Amino acid sequence: SHEKGGMEIPKIFRGIKEKVPDVKLVVAGTGPTENELKEALPETIFLGWVDHNDLPGIYSSADILILPSKFDTFSCVVLEALSCGLPVIAYNTKGPKDIIQDGINGYLVNSNSEFIQKITRYFSDEKLQKMLRENTLIRAKDYDKGKIISSFLQPLGLTNDIHQAG
């Protein structure tokens, strides 16, 4: 949708394509700007609606996730991508900035030109790609549900009771 930054993608992708000519774009999902995107990006692969169970395979086969939304809350898509070893580049806004560690497991940017610059750099440096991918898996572990529940229960003195009962 427009509010999720969907129409930012054509400008970003064209800028990347100038510097990385063989780059491919795959869009998963549907929404109100889908037809506009298809018109603006005819060379793009559009997967349409994707079953949640199929997402790990898609994330695992991609090189980087572009999240152009300037209005995200928690951003489950960022966690899903990180847990599959996929670095994420997103605007430096609430949600993504709470999860992504800039330059460590992805990138936080403030403009389309920064999207282009960071992604171009990413594709030109295999060591950087490897490092970011490894760090995504480390960061994803910070969001393990057992770890989160324990952090809430421990101050109440309930952690040991819960673990003993389980």
N, C-alpha and C. Protein backbone atom coordinates (compact mmCIF):
# COMPACT_ATOMS: atom_id res chain seq x y z
N SER A 1 0.84 -1.18 0.00
CA SER A 1 0.00 0.00 0.00
C SER A 1 0.88 1.24 0.00
N HIS A 2 0.27 2.38 -0.27
CA HIS A 2 1.03 3.63 -0.28
C HIS A 2 1.59 3.92 1.11
N GLU A 3 0.78 3.73 2.15
CA GLU A 3 1.25 4.03 3.50
C GLU A 3 2.36 3.08 3.97
N LYS A 4 2.47 1.93 3.35
CA LYS A 4 3.55 0.99 3.68
C LYS A 4 4.76 1.18 2.76
N GLY A 5 4.73 2.22 1.92
CA GLY A 5 5.88 2.55 1.10
C GLY A 5 6.04 1.73 -0.16
N GLY A 6 5.00 1.04 -0.57
CA GLY A 6 5.10 0.18 -1.75
C GLY A 6 5.58 0.90 -3.00
N MET A 7 5.16 2.14 -3.17
CA MET A 7 5.54 2.85 -4.38
C MET A 7 6.94 3.48 -4.29
N GLU A 8 7.63 3.26 -3.19
CA GLU A 8 9.04 3.65 -3.08
C GLU A 8 9.92 2.63 -3.82
N ILE A 9 9.42 1.43 -3.93
CA ILE A 9 10.21 0.32 -4.48
C ILE A 9 10.69 0.58 -5.90
N PRO A 10 9.86 1.10 -6.83
CA PRO A 10 10.39 1.31 -8.19
C PRO A 10 11.62 2.23 -8.23
N LYS A 11 11.59 3.34 -7.48
CA LYS A 11 12.74 4.25 -7.47
C LYS A 11 13.98 3.56 -6.88
N ILE A 12 13.76 2.86 -5.78
CA ILE A 12 14.87 2.16 -5.13
C ILE A 12 15.45 1.10 -6.07
N PHE A 13 14.57 0.29 -6.65
CA PHE A 13 15.03 -0.80 -7.50
C PHE A 13 15.77 -0.28 -8.74
N ARG A 14 15.24 0.77 -9.37
CA ARG A 14 15.93 1.32 -10.55
C ARG A 14 17.32 1.83 -10.19
N GLY A 15 17.45 2.45 -9.04
CA GLY A 15 18.75 2.94 -8.59
C GLY A 15 19.74 1.81 -8.35
N ILE A 16 19.25 0.72 -7.80
CA ILE A 16 20.12 -0.45 -7.56
C ILE A 16 20.50 -1.09 -8.89
N LYS A 17 19.53 -1.22 -9.78
CA LYS A 17 19.73 -1.87 -11.08
C LYS A 17 20.81 -1.16 -11.90
N GLU A 18 20.93 0.16 -11.75
CA GLU A 18 21.97 0.91 -12.46
C GLU A 18 23.36 0.45 -12.04
N LYS A 19 23.51 0.08 -10.79
CA LYS A 19 24.82 -0.29 -10.26
C LYS A 19 25.03 -1.80 -10.18
N VAL A 20 23.93 -2.55 -10.08
CA VAL A 20 23.98 -4.02 -10.02
C VAL A 20 23.02 -4.53 -11.09
N PRO A 21 23.45 -4.54 -12.36
CA PRO A 21 22.53 -4.82 -13.47
C PRO A 21 21.80 -6.16 -13.43
N ASP A 22 22.40 -7.18 -12.82
CA ASP A 22 21.76 -8.49 -12.83
C ASP A 22 20.88 -8.74 -11.61
N VAL A 23 20.62 -7.71 -10.80
CA VAL A 23 19.78 -7.86 -9.61
C VAL A 23 18.34 -8.16 -10.04
N LYS A 24 17.67 -8.98 -9.25
CA LYS A 24 16.27 -9.35 -9.50
C LYS A 24 15.44 -8.93 -8.29
N LEU A 25 14.20 -8.59 -8.55
CA LEU A 25 13.27 -8.20 -7.50
C LEU A 25 12.11 -9.17 -7.48
N VAL A 26 11.80 -9.67 -6.28
CA VAL A 26 10.65 -10.56 -6.08
C VAL A 26 9.77 -9.91 -5.03
N VAL A 27 8.48 -9.81 -5.33
CA VAL A 27 7.53 -9.21 -4.41
C VAL A 27 6.56 -10.29 -3.95
N ALA A 28 6.48 -10.47 -2.63
CA ALA A 28 5.55 -11.43 -2.05
C ALA A 28 4.39 -10.66 -1.42
N GLY A 29 3.18 -11.13 -1.64
CA GLY A 29 2.02 -10.49 -1.05
C GLY A 29 1.17 -9.76 -2.07
N THR A 30 0.06 -9.26 -1.60
CA THR A 30 -0.86 -8.51 -2.44
C THR A 30 -1.26 -7.24 -1.69
N GLY A 31 -1.86 -6.33 -2.41
CA GLY A 31 -2.30 -5.11 -1.77
C GLY A 31 -2.78 -4.09 -2.78
N PRO A 32 -3.19 -2.93 -2.28
CA PRO A 32 -3.80 -1.93 -3.16
C PRO A 32 -2.87 -1.34 -4.22
N THR A 33 -1.56 -1.41 -4.03
CA THR A 33 -0.66 -0.86 -5.05
C THR A 33 -0.08 -1.93 -5.97
N GLU A 34 -0.58 -3.15 -5.86
CA GLU A 34 -0.02 -4.25 -6.66
C GLU A 34 -0.04 -3.95 -8.15
N ASN A 35 -1.16 -3.50 -8.68
CA ASN A 35 -1.24 -3.23 -10.13
C ASN A 35 -0.32 -2.09 -10.54
N GLU A 36 -0.21 -1.06 -9.70
CA GLU A 36 0.71 0.05 -9.98
C GLU A 36 2.16 -0.45 -10.01
N LEU A 37 2.48 -1.31 -9.06
CA LEU A 37 3.84 -1.87 -9.01
C LEU A 37 4.12 -2.74 -10.23
N LYS A 38 3.15 -3.54 -10.63
CA LYS A 38 3.34 -4.40 -11.80
C LYS A 38 3.58 -3.55 -13.05
N GLU A 39 2.89 -2.45 -13.14
CA GLU A 39 3.07 -1.56 -14.28
C GLU A 39 4.44 -0.87 -14.23
N ALA A 40 4.84 -0.43 -13.05
CA ALA A 40 6.12 0.28 -12.90
C ALA A 40 7.32 -0.66 -12.98
N LEU A 41 7.12 -1.93 -12.63
CA LEU A 41 8.22 -2.90 -12.57
C LEU A 41 7.88 -4.18 -13.34
N PRO A 42 7.75 -4.10 -14.65
CA PRO A 42 7.32 -5.28 -15.42
C PRO A 42 8.29 -6.46 -15.35
N GLU A 43 9.56 -6.21 -15.04
CA GLU A 43 10.54 -7.30 -14.96
C GLU A 43 10.55 -8.00 -13.61
N THR A 44 9.73 -7.53 -12.70
CA THR A 44 9.67 -8.08 -11.34
C THR A 44 8.86 -9.36 -11.30
N ILE A 45 9.26 -10.26 -10.42
CA ILE A 45 8.51 -11.50 -10.19
C ILE A 45 7.53 -11.22 -9.04
N PHE A 46 6.25 -11.33 -9.31
CA PHE A 46 5.21 -11.12 -8.30
C PHE A 46 4.65 -12.48 -7.90
N LEU A 47 4.81 -12.83 -6.63
CA LEU A 47 4.37 -14.12 -6.13
C LEU A 47 2.90 -14.12 -5.71
N GLY A 48 2.33 -12.94 -5.51
CA GLY A 48 0.97 -12.86 -4.99
C GLY A 48 0.93 -13.26 -3.53
N TRP A 49 -0.25 -13.67 -3.09
CA TRP A 49 -0.42 -14.08 -1.70
C TRP A 49 0.42 -15.33 -1.44
N VAL A 50 1.16 -15.33 -0.35
CA VAL A 50 2.01 -16.46 0.00
C VAL A 50 1.56 -17.01 1.35
N ASP A 51 1.34 -18.30 1.42
CA ASP A 51 0.97 -18.96 2.67
C ASP A 51 2.11 -18.77 3.67
N HIS A 52 1.76 -18.51 4.91
CA HIS A 52 2.76 -18.25 5.96
C HIS A 52 3.79 -19.38 6.06
N ASN A 53 3.37 -20.61 5.83
CA ASN A 53 4.29 -21.75 5.91
C ASN A 53 5.33 -21.75 4.80
N ASP A 54 5.06 -21.02 3.71
CA ASP A 54 5.99 -20.96 2.59
C ASP A 54 7.00 -19.82 2.72
N LEU A 55 6.77 -18.92 3.65
CA LEU A 55 7.65 -17.76 3.79
C LEU A 55 9.11 -18.11 4.13
N PRO A 56 9.37 -19.07 5.03
CA PRO A 56 10.78 -19.37 5.32
C PRO A 56 11.59 -19.75 4.08
N GLY A 57 11.00 -20.48 3.17
CA GLY A 57 11.70 -20.85 1.94
C GLY A 57 11.99 -19.64 1.07
N ILE A 58 11.05 -18.72 1.02
CA ILE A 58 11.25 -17.50 0.23
C ILE A 58 12.32 -16.63 0.87
N TYR A 59 12.21 -16.42 2.18
CA TYR A 59 13.22 -15.63 2.88
C TYR A 59 14.62 -16.24 2.70
N SER A 60 14.71 -17.54 2.84
CA SER A 60 16.01 -18.22 2.77
C SER A 60 16.64 -18.15 1.38
N SER A 61 15.82 -17.99 0.36
CA SER A 61 16.36 -17.94 -1.00
C SER A 61 16.68 -16.52 -1.46
N ALA A 62 16.31 -15.53 -0.68
CA ALA A 62 16.56 -14.12 -1.04
C ALA A 62 17.92 -13.66 -0.54
N ASP A 63 18.36 -12.52 -1.05
CA ASP A 63 19.63 -11.94 -0.63
C ASP A 63 19.45 -10.85 0.42
N ILE A 64 18.38 -10.07 0.31
CA ILE A 64 18.11 -8.99 1.26
C ILE A 64 16.63 -8.64 1.17
N LEU A 65 16.05 -8.26 2.30
CA LEU A 65 14.65 -7.86 2.33
C LEU A 65 14.59 -6.33 2.36
N ILE A 66 13.85 -5.77 1.42
CA ILE A 66 13.63 -4.33 1.38
C ILE A 66 12.29 -4.04 2.02
N LEU A 67 12.30 -3.25 3.09
CA LEU A 67 11.07 -2.87 3.79
C LEU A 67 10.93 -1.35 3.72
N PRO A 68 10.16 -0.84 2.74
CA PRO A 68 10.09 0.60 2.54
C PRO A 68 9.04 1.32 3.38
N SER A 69 8.45 0.65 4.35
CA SER A 69 7.41 1.26 5.17
C SER A 69 7.99 2.28 6.14
N LYS A 70 7.32 3.43 6.23
CA LYS A 70 7.73 4.44 7.20
C LYS A 70 6.82 4.40 8.43
N PHE A 71 5.84 3.49 8.40
CA PHE A 71 4.88 3.38 9.48
C PHE A 71 4.71 1.92 9.87
N ASP A 72 5.64 1.40 10.63
CA ASP A 72 5.54 0.02 11.09
C ASP A 72 5.55 0.02 12.61
N THR A 73 4.87 -0.94 13.18
CA THR A 73 4.87 -1.02 14.64
C THR A 73 5.95 -2.01 15.07
N PHE A 74 5.59 -3.24 15.35
CA PHE A 74 6.59 -4.20 15.80
C PHE A 74 7.37 -4.80 14.64
N SER A 75 6.75 -5.00 13.51
CA SER A 75 7.40 -5.49 12.31
C SER A 75 7.79 -6.96 12.39
N CYS A 76 6.79 -7.81 12.42
CA CYS A 76 7.03 -9.26 12.42
C CYS A 76 7.84 -9.71 11.21
N VAL A 77 7.63 -9.05 10.07
CA VAL A 77 8.35 -9.45 8.86
C VAL A 77 9.86 -9.33 9.06
N VAL A 78 10.30 -8.35 9.85
CA VAL A 78 11.73 -8.21 10.12
C VAL A 78 12.23 -9.42 10.91
N LEU A 79 11.50 -9.80 11.94
CA LEU A 79 11.91 -10.98 12.73
C LEU A 79 11.87 -12.26 11.91
N GLU A 80 10.84 -12.41 11.09
CA GLU A 80 10.74 -13.60 10.24
C GLU A 80 11.96 -13.69 9.33
N ALA A 81 12.32 -12.57 8.71
CA ALA A 81 13.46 -12.56 7.80
C ALA A 81 14.76 -12.88 8.54
N LEU A 82 14.98 -12.21 9.68
CA LEU A 82 16.20 -12.44 10.44
C LEU A 82 16.32 -13.89 10.87
N SER A 83 15.21 -14.49 11.26
CA SER A 83 15.26 -15.88 11.72
C SER A 83 15.58 -16.86 10.60
N CYS A 84 15.49 -16.39 9.35
CA CYS A 84 15.85 -17.21 8.19
C CYS A 84 17.21 -16.81 7.62
N GLY A 85 17.94 -15.97 8.34
CA GLY A 85 19.26 -15.57 7.89
C GLY A 85 19.24 -14.49 6.82
N LEU A 86 18.14 -13.75 6.73
CA LEU A 86 17.99 -12.73 5.68
C LEU A 86 18.13 -11.34 6.27
N PRO A 87 19.18 -10.61 5.89
CA PRO A 87 19.32 -9.23 6.35
C PRO A 87 18.17 -8.36 5.83
N VAL A 88 17.86 -7.32 6.59
CA VAL A 88 16.75 -6.43 6.25
C VAL A 88 17.27 -5.01 6.16
N ILE A 89 16.79 -4.28 5.15
CA ILE A 89 17.05 -2.85 5.06
C ILE A 89 15.70 -2.16 5.14
N ALA A 90 15.61 -1.21 6.07
CA ALA A 90 14.34 -0.54 6.33
C ALA A 90 14.59 0.91 6.73
N TYR A 91 13.52 1.68 6.69
CA TYR A 91 13.63 3.05 7.20
C TYR A 91 13.86 3.02 8.70
N ASN A 92 14.57 4.02 9.18
CA ASN A 92 14.91 4.14 10.59
C ASN A 92 13.69 4.65 11.37
N THR A 93 12.71 3.77 11.51
CA THR A 93 11.45 4.12 12.17
C THR A 93 11.11 3.08 13.23
N LYS A 94 10.16 3.45 14.07
CA LYS A 94 9.66 2.55 15.12
C LYS A 94 9.35 1.20 14.51
N GLY A 95 9.69 0.16 15.19
CA GLY A 95 9.51 -1.21 14.69
C GLY A 95 10.84 -1.71 14.18
N PRO A 96 11.19 -1.38 12.92
CA PRO A 96 12.48 -1.85 12.40
C PRO A 96 13.67 -1.39 13.24
N LYS A 97 13.68 -0.15 13.70
CA LYS A 97 14.85 0.33 14.45
C LYS A 97 14.97 -0.32 15.82
N ASP A 98 13.89 -0.94 16.30
CA ASP A 98 13.94 -1.65 17.56
C ASP A 98 14.55 -3.04 17.41
N ILE A 99 14.61 -3.54 16.19
CA ILE A 99 15.08 -4.90 15.94
C ILE A 99 16.40 -4.92 15.16
N ILE A 100 16.46 -4.13 14.11
CA ILE A 100 17.65 -4.12 13.24
C ILE A 100 18.78 -3.35 13.91
N GLN A 101 19.94 -3.96 13.91
CA GLN A 101 21.16 -3.31 14.39
C GLN A 101 21.92 -2.85 13.15
N ASP A 102 21.88 -1.54 12.92
CA ASP A 102 22.40 -0.97 11.68
C ASP A 102 23.85 -1.37 11.43
N GLY A 103 24.07 -1.96 10.24
CA GLY A 103 25.41 -2.38 9.85
C GLY A 103 25.85 -3.69 10.47
N ILE A 104 25.00 -4.28 11.30
CA ILE A 104 25.35 -5.54 11.97
C ILE A 104 24.50 -6.69 11.42
N ASN A 105 23.18 -6.51 11.36
CA ASN A 105 22.31 -7.55 10.81
C ASN A 105 21.37 -7.00 9.74
N GLY A 106 21.64 -5.80 9.30
CA GLY A 106 20.84 -5.13 8.29
C GLY A 106 21.18 -3.66 8.28
N TYR A 107 20.29 -2.87 7.70
CA TYR A 107 20.54 -1.44 7.61
C TYR A 107 19.28 -0.65 7.94
N LEU A 108 19.50 0.49 8.57
CA LEU A 108 18.45 1.47 8.82
C LEU A 108 18.81 2.71 8.02
N VAL A 109 17.88 3.19 7.21
CA VAL A 109 18.16 4.32 6.33
C VAL A 109 17.10 5.41 6.49
N ASN A 110 17.40 6.57 5.92
CA ASN A 110 16.49 7.70 6.01
C ASN A 110 15.99 8.20 4.66
N SER A 111 16.47 7.58 3.57
CA SER A 111 16.06 8.06 2.24
C SER A 111 16.22 6.95 1.20
N ASN A 112 15.60 7.18 0.03
CA ASN A 112 15.76 6.24 -1.08
C ASN A 112 17.22 6.12 -1.50
N SER A 113 17.93 7.25 -1.50
CA SER A 113 19.34 7.21 -1.92
C SER A 113 20.17 6.36 -0.96
N GLU A 114 19.83 6.38 0.34
CA GLU A 114 20.54 5.52 1.29
C GLU A 114 20.20 4.05 1.05
N PHE A 115 18.93 3.75 0.72
CA PHE A 115 18.55 2.38 0.36
C PHE A 115 19.48 1.91 -0.76
N ILE A 116 19.56 2.70 -1.81
CA ILE A 116 20.35 2.34 -2.99
C ILE A 116 21.81 2.17 -2.62
N GLN A 117 22.36 3.11 -1.89
CA GLN A 117 23.77 3.07 -1.51
C GLN A 117 24.09 1.82 -0.67
N LYS A 118 23.28 1.56 0.34
CA LYS A 118 23.56 0.42 1.24
C LYS A 118 23.39 -0.91 0.52
N ILE A 119 22.35 -1.03 -0.29
CA ILE A 119 22.12 -2.29 -1.00
C ILE A 119 23.22 -2.53 -2.03
N THR A 120 23.62 -1.48 -2.72
CA THR A 120 24.70 -1.61 -3.70
C THR A 120 25.99 -2.06 -3.01
N ARG A 121 26.29 -1.46 -1.88
CA ARG A 121 27.48 -1.86 -1.11
C ARG A 121 27.36 -3.33 -0.69
N TYR A 122 26.19 -3.71 -0.21
CA TYR A 122 25.95 -5.08 0.23
C TYR A 122 26.26 -6.08 -0.89
N PHE A 123 25.76 -5.80 -2.09
CA PHE A 123 25.96 -6.73 -3.20
C PHE A 123 27.40 -6.74 -3.71
N SER A 124 28.17 -5.72 -3.39
CA SER A 124 29.55 -5.67 -3.89
C SER A 124 30.57 -6.26 -2.92
N ASP A 125 30.11 -6.73 -1.76
CA ASP A 125 31.04 -7.19 -0.73
C ASP A 125 30.57 -8.52 -0.13
N GLU A 126 31.17 -9.61 -0.59
CA GLU A 126 30.75 -10.94 -0.12
C GLU A 126 31.01 -11.15 1.37
N LYS A 127 32.09 -10.59 1.90
CA LYS A 127 32.37 -10.71 3.33
C LYS A 127 31.28 -10.02 4.15
N LEU A 128 30.86 -8.87 3.69
CA LEU A 128 29.78 -8.13 4.35
C LEU A 128 28.49 -8.94 4.34
N GLN A 129 28.17 -9.53 3.21
CA GLN A 129 26.96 -10.36 3.09
C GLN A 129 27.01 -11.50 4.11
N LYS A 130 28.13 -12.18 4.17
CA LYS A 130 28.28 -13.31 5.09
C LYS A 130 28.14 -12.86 6.54
N MET A 131 28.77 -11.74 6.88
CA MET A 131 28.72 -11.23 8.25
C MET A 131 27.29 -10.84 8.64
N LEU A 132 26.62 -10.12 7.76
CA LEU A 132 25.24 -9.71 8.07
C LEU A 132 24.33 -10.93 8.22
N ARG A 133 24.49 -11.90 7.33
CA ARG A 133 23.65 -13.11 7.41
C ARG A 133 23.88 -13.85 8.73
N GLU A 134 25.12 -14.00 9.12
CA GLU A 134 25.42 -14.68 10.39
C GLU A 134 24.81 -13.92 11.57
N ASN A 135 24.90 -12.61 11.53
CA ASN A 135 24.39 -11.80 12.64
C ASN A 135 22.87 -11.77 12.71
N THR A 136 22.20 -12.02 11.58
CA THR A 136 20.74 -12.05 11.62
C THR A 136 20.25 -13.18 12.53
N LEU A 137 20.91 -14.31 12.42
CA LEU A 137 20.50 -15.47 13.22
C LEU A 137 20.77 -15.24 14.71
N ILE A 138 21.85 -14.56 15.00
CA ILE A 138 22.16 -14.23 16.40
C ILE A 138 21.10 -13.28 16.96
N ARG A 139 20.76 -12.25 16.19
CA ARG A 139 19.76 -11.28 16.65
C ARG A 139 18.39 -11.93 16.80
N ALA A 140 18.02 -12.80 15.91
CA ALA A 140 16.71 -13.47 15.99
C ALA A 140 16.56 -14.24 17.30
N LYS A 141 17.65 -14.77 17.82
CA LYS A 141 17.59 -15.53 19.08
C LYS A 141 17.21 -14.64 20.26
N ASP A 142 17.44 -13.33 20.15
CA ASP A 142 17.03 -12.40 21.21
C ASP A 142 15.52 -12.35 21.36
N TYR A 143 14.81 -12.81 20.34
CA TYR A 143 13.35 -12.76 20.34
C TYR A 143 12.72 -14.13 20.53
N ASP A 144 13.47 -15.07 21.07
CA ASP A 144 12.95 -16.39 21.40
C ASP A 144 11.84 -16.25 22.44
N LYS A 145 10.70 -16.89 22.21
CA LYS A 145 9.55 -16.70 23.11
C LYS A 145 9.85 -17.15 24.54
N GLY A 146 10.62 -18.21 24.72
CA GLY A 146 10.97 -18.66 26.07
C GLY A 146 11.82 -17.64 26.80
N LYS A 147 12.74 -17.06 26.10
CA LYS A 147 13.61 -16.03 26.66
C LYS A 147 12.79 -14.80 27.06
N ILE A 148 11.86 -14.42 26.23
CA ILE A 148 11.02 -13.24 26.50
C ILE A 148 10.11 -13.49 27.70
N ILE A 149 9.48 -14.64 27.74
CA ILE A 149 8.59 -14.98 28.86
C ILE A 149 9.38 -15.01 30.17
N SER A 150 10.56 -15.63 30.13
CA SER A 150 11.39 -15.67 31.34
C SER A 150 11.75 -14.29 31.83
N SER A 151 12.05 -13.37 30.90
CA SER A 151 12.42 -12.02 31.31
C SER A 151 11.26 -11.29 31.98
N PHE A 152 10.03 -11.65 31.64
CA PHE A 152 8.87 -11.05 32.30
C PHE A 152 8.58 -11.72 33.64
N LEU A 153 8.77 -13.03 33.71
CA LEU A 153 8.41 -13.77 34.92
C LEU A 153 9.49 -13.74 35.99
N GLN A 154 10.74 -13.64 35.60
CA GLN A 154 11.84 -13.69 36.56
C GLN A 154 11.73 -12.64 37.67
N PRO A 155 11.43 -11.37 37.36
CA PRO A 155 11.31 -10.39 38.44
C PRO A 155 10.19 -10.71 39.43
N LEU A 156 9.24 -11.54 39.02
CA LEU A 156 8.14 -11.94 39.88
C LEU A 156 8.46 -13.20 40.67
N GLY A 157 9.62 -13.77 40.42
CA GLY A 157 10.02 -14.99 41.09
C GLY A 157 9.30 -16.21 40.57
N LEU A 158 8.75 -16.15 39.38
CA LEU A 158 7.97 -17.24 38.82
C LEU A 158 8.73 -18.11 37.83
N THR A 159 9.88 -17.70 37.40
CA THR A 159 10.61 -18.41 36.35
C THR A 159 10.89 -19.86 36.76
N ASN A 160 11.44 -20.05 37.95
CA ASN A 160 11.78 -21.42 38.38
C ASN A 160 10.55 -22.28 38.50
N ASP A 161 9.45 -21.74 39.00
CA ASP A 161 8.21 -22.50 39.13
C ASP A 161 7.72 -22.95 37.76
N ILE A 162 7.78 -22.06 36.78
CA ILE A 162 7.30 -22.37 35.44
C ILE A 162 8.17 -23.46 34.81
N HIS A 163 9.50 -23.32 34.94
CA HIS A 163 10.39 -24.31 34.34
C HIS A 163 10.25 -25.66 35.01
N GLN A 164 10.04 -25.68 36.33
CA GLN A 164 9.88 -26.95 37.03
C GLN A 164 8.57 -27.63 36.64
N ALA A 165 7.53 -26.81 36.42
CA ALA A 165 6.23 -27.38 36.05
C ALA A 165 6.25 -27.94 34.64
N GLY A 166 7.08 -27.34 33.75
CA GLY A 166 7.12 -27.74 32.35
C GLY A 166 7.99 -28.91 32.17
